[in-house]
Amino acid sequence: MRTTVTLDPDVVALVKRVMRDKGISFKAALNEAIRNGVAKPPSQASRPYRLKTYRMGYRPEVGLDKALSLAAALEDEEIARKLSIRK
């Protein structure tokens, strides 16, 4: 298939480096880059992203469905603490 694409200057530099290193044409270098980037077999896929979680405690005075209220209460406590030490 023949198509027109616009490559960013840094991408052109990468493709040209592959051309020079491997002694291949622009078309071959571009096709190789696309195959390597898009058609990775599942065995080469990166590990799934994992996010560490931490217990933050439970405050029964604020319902869990009222997260903004909890945030406001904590902010108010911090402001009061700073005012009490005149910061």
C-alpha atoms as a PDB file:
ATOM      1  CA  MET A   1       0.000   0.000   0.000  1.00  0.00           C
ATOM      2  CA  ARG A   2       1.233   3.458  -0.773  1.00  0.00           C
ATOM      3  CA  THR A   3       0.396   6.331   1.552  1.00  0.00           C
ATOM      4  CA  THR A   4       1.768   9.669   2.711  1.00  0.00           C
ATOM      5  CA  VAL A   5       2.746  10.222   6.320  1.00  0.00           C
ATOM      6  CA  THR A   6       4.346  13.158   8.071  1.00  0.00           C
ATOM      7  CA  LEU A   7       7.116  12.153  10.455  1.00  0.00           C
ATOM      8  CA  ASP A   8       8.445  14.308  13.249  1.00  0.00           C
ATOM      9  CA  PRO A   9      12.113  15.288  12.891  1.00  0.00           C
ATOM     10  CA  ASP A  10      13.187  13.062  15.798  1.00  0.00           C
ATOM     11  CA  VAL A  11      11.476  10.051  14.193  1.00  0.00           C
ATOM     12  CA  VAL A  12      13.218  10.735  10.888  1.00  0.00           C
ATOM     13  CA  ALA A  13      16.553  10.833  12.719  1.00  0.00           C
ATOM     14  CA  LEU A  14      15.814   7.467  14.367  1.00  0.00           C
ATOM     15  CA  VAL A  15      14.853   5.865  11.052  1.00  0.00           C
ATOM     16  CA  LYS A  16      17.963   7.277   9.378  1.00  0.00           C
ATOM     17  CA  ARG A  17      20.116   5.877  12.177  1.00  0.00           C
ATOM     18  CA  VAL A  18      18.625   2.416  11.612  1.00  0.00           C
ATOM     19  CA  MET A  19      19.210   2.830   7.860  1.00  0.00           C
ATOM     20  CA  ARG A  20      22.854   3.686   8.444  1.00  0.00           C
ATOM     21  CA  ASP A  21      23.470   1.002  11.086  1.00  0.00           C
ATOM     22  CA  LYS A  22      21.824  -1.819   9.153  1.00  0.00           C
ATOM     23  CA  GLY A  23      22.533  -0.624   5.630  1.00  0.00           C
ATOM     24  CA  ILE A  24      18.883  -0.813   4.584  1.00  0.00           C
ATOM     25  CA  SER A  25      16.533   1.498   2.698  1.00  0.00           C
ATOM     26  CA  PHE A  26      14.267   4.086   4.298  1.00  0.00           C
ATOM     27  CA  LYS A  27      11.230   1.973   3.421  1.00  0.00           C
ATOM     28  CA  ALA A  28      12.731  -1.162   5.018  1.00  0.00           C
ATOM     29  CA  ALA A  29      13.779   0.743   8.160  1.00  0.00           C
ATOM     30  CA  LEU A  30      10.340   2.335   8.538  1.00  0.00           C
ATOM     31  CA  ASN A  31       8.516  -0.979   8.018  1.00  0.00           C
ATOM     32  CA  GLU A  32      10.806  -2.656  10.574  1.00  0.00           C
ATOM     33  CA  ALA A  33      10.160   0.097  13.125  1.00  0.00           C
ATOM     34  CA  ILE A  34       6.405  -0.171  12.685  1.00  0.00           C
ATOM     35  CA  ARG A  35       6.473  -3.966  12.959  1.00  0.00           C
ATOM     36  CA  ASN A  36       8.615  -3.829  16.102  1.00  0.00           C
ATOM     37  CA  GLY A  37       6.433  -1.179  17.706  1.00  0.00           C
ATOM     38  CA  VAL A  38       2.964  -2.398  16.792  1.00  0.00           C
ATOM     39  CA  ALA A  39       3.095  -6.117  16.194  1.00  0.00           C
ATOM     40  CA  LYS A  40       4.802  -7.303  19.377  1.00  0.00           C
ATOM     41  CA  PRO A  41       3.766 -10.817  20.330  1.00  0.00           C
ATOM     42  CA  PRO A  42       2.054 -11.016  23.738  1.00  0.00           C
ATOM     43  CA  SER A  43       5.101 -12.738  25.230  1.00  0.00           C
ATOM     44  CA  GLN A  44       7.132  -9.550  24.702  1.00  0.00           C
ATOM     45  CA  ALA A  45       4.508  -7.208  26.089  1.00  0.00           C
ATOM     46  CA  SER A  46       5.473  -5.232  29.164  1.00  0.00           C
ATOM     47  CA  ARG A  47       4.230  -6.177  32.600  1.00  0.00           C
ATOM     48  CA  PRO A  48       0.820  -4.840  33.599  1.00  0.00           C
ATOM     49  CA  TYR A  49       0.883  -1.627  35.608  1.00  0.00           C
ATOM     50  CA  ARG A  50       0.562  -2.178  39.347  1.00  0.00           C
ATOM     51  CA  LEU A  51      -0.301   0.551  41.807  1.00  0.00           C
ATOM     52  CA  LYS A  52       0.592   0.146  45.469  1.00  0.00           C
ATOM     53  CA  THR A  53      -2.279   0.842  47.817  1.00  0.00           C
ATOM     54  CA  TYR A  54      -2.088   1.960  51.431  1.00  0.00           C
ATOM     55  CA  ARG A  55      -4.569   1.867  54.280  1.00  0.00           C
ATOM     56  CA  MET A  56      -5.570   5.379  55.194  1.00  0.00           C
ATOM     57  CA  GLY A  57      -7.748   4.595  58.152  1.00  0.00           C
ATOM     58  CA  TYR A  58     -11.480   4.900  58.618  1.00  0.00           C
ATOM     59  CA  ARG A  59     -13.328   7.918  59.985  1.00  0.00           C
ATOM     60  CA  PRO A  60     -16.857   6.877  60.975  1.00  0.00           C
ATOM     61  CA  GLU A  61     -17.961  10.512  61.385  1.00  0.00           C
ATOM     62  CA  VAL A  62     -17.749  11.039  57.617  1.00  0.00           C
ATOM     63  CA  GLY A  63     -19.557   8.728  55.217  1.00  0.00           C
ATOM     64  CA  LEU A  64     -17.348   7.063  52.628  1.00  0.00           C
ATOM     65  CA  ASP A  65     -19.599   8.441  49.898  1.00  0.00           C
ATOM     66  CA  LYS A  66     -18.754  11.971  51.056  1.00  0.00           C
ATOM     67  CA  ALA A  67     -15.090  12.195  50.014  1.00  0.00           C
ATOM     68  CA  LEU A  68     -15.231  15.947  49.415  1.00  0.00           C
ATOM     69  CA  SER A  69     -16.583  16.506  52.906  1.00  0.00           C
ATOM     70  CA  LEU A  70     -13.741  14.468  54.335  1.00  0.00           C
ATOM     71  CA  ALA A  71     -11.193  16.439  52.314  1.00  0.00           C
ATOM     72  CA  ALA A  72     -12.717  19.736  53.486  1.00  0.00           C
ATOM     73  CA  ALA A  73     -12.695  18.618  57.125  1.00  0.00           C
ATOM     74  CA  LEU A  74      -9.040  17.583  56.905  1.00  0.00           C
ATOM     75  CA  GLU A  75      -8.149  20.873  55.220  1.00  0.00           C
ATOM     76  CA  ASP A  76      -9.974  22.837  57.910  1.00  0.00           C
ATOM     77  CA  GLU A  77      -8.094  20.950  60.635  1.00  0.00           C
ATOM     78  CA  GLU A  78      -4.759  21.734  58.966  1.00  0.00           C
ATOM     79  CA  ILE A  79      -5.604  25.427  58.564  1.00  0.00           C
ATOM     80  CA  ALA A  80      -6.628  25.621  62.234  1.00  0.00           C
ATOM     81  CA  ARG A  81      -3.395  23.903  63.256  1.00  0.00           C
ATOM     82  CA  LYS A  82      -1.286  26.365  61.244  1.00  0.00           C
ATOM     83  CA  LEU A  83      -3.191  29.350  62.623  1.00  0.00           C
ATOM     84  CA  SER A  84      -2.664  28.105  66.174  1.00  0.00           C
ATOM     85  CA  ILE A  85       1.108  28.124  65.667  1.00  0.00           C
ATOM     86  CA  ARG A  86       0.900  31.426  63.687  1.00  0.00           C
ATOM     87  CA  LYS A  87       2.429  30.039  60.517  1.00  0.00           C
END
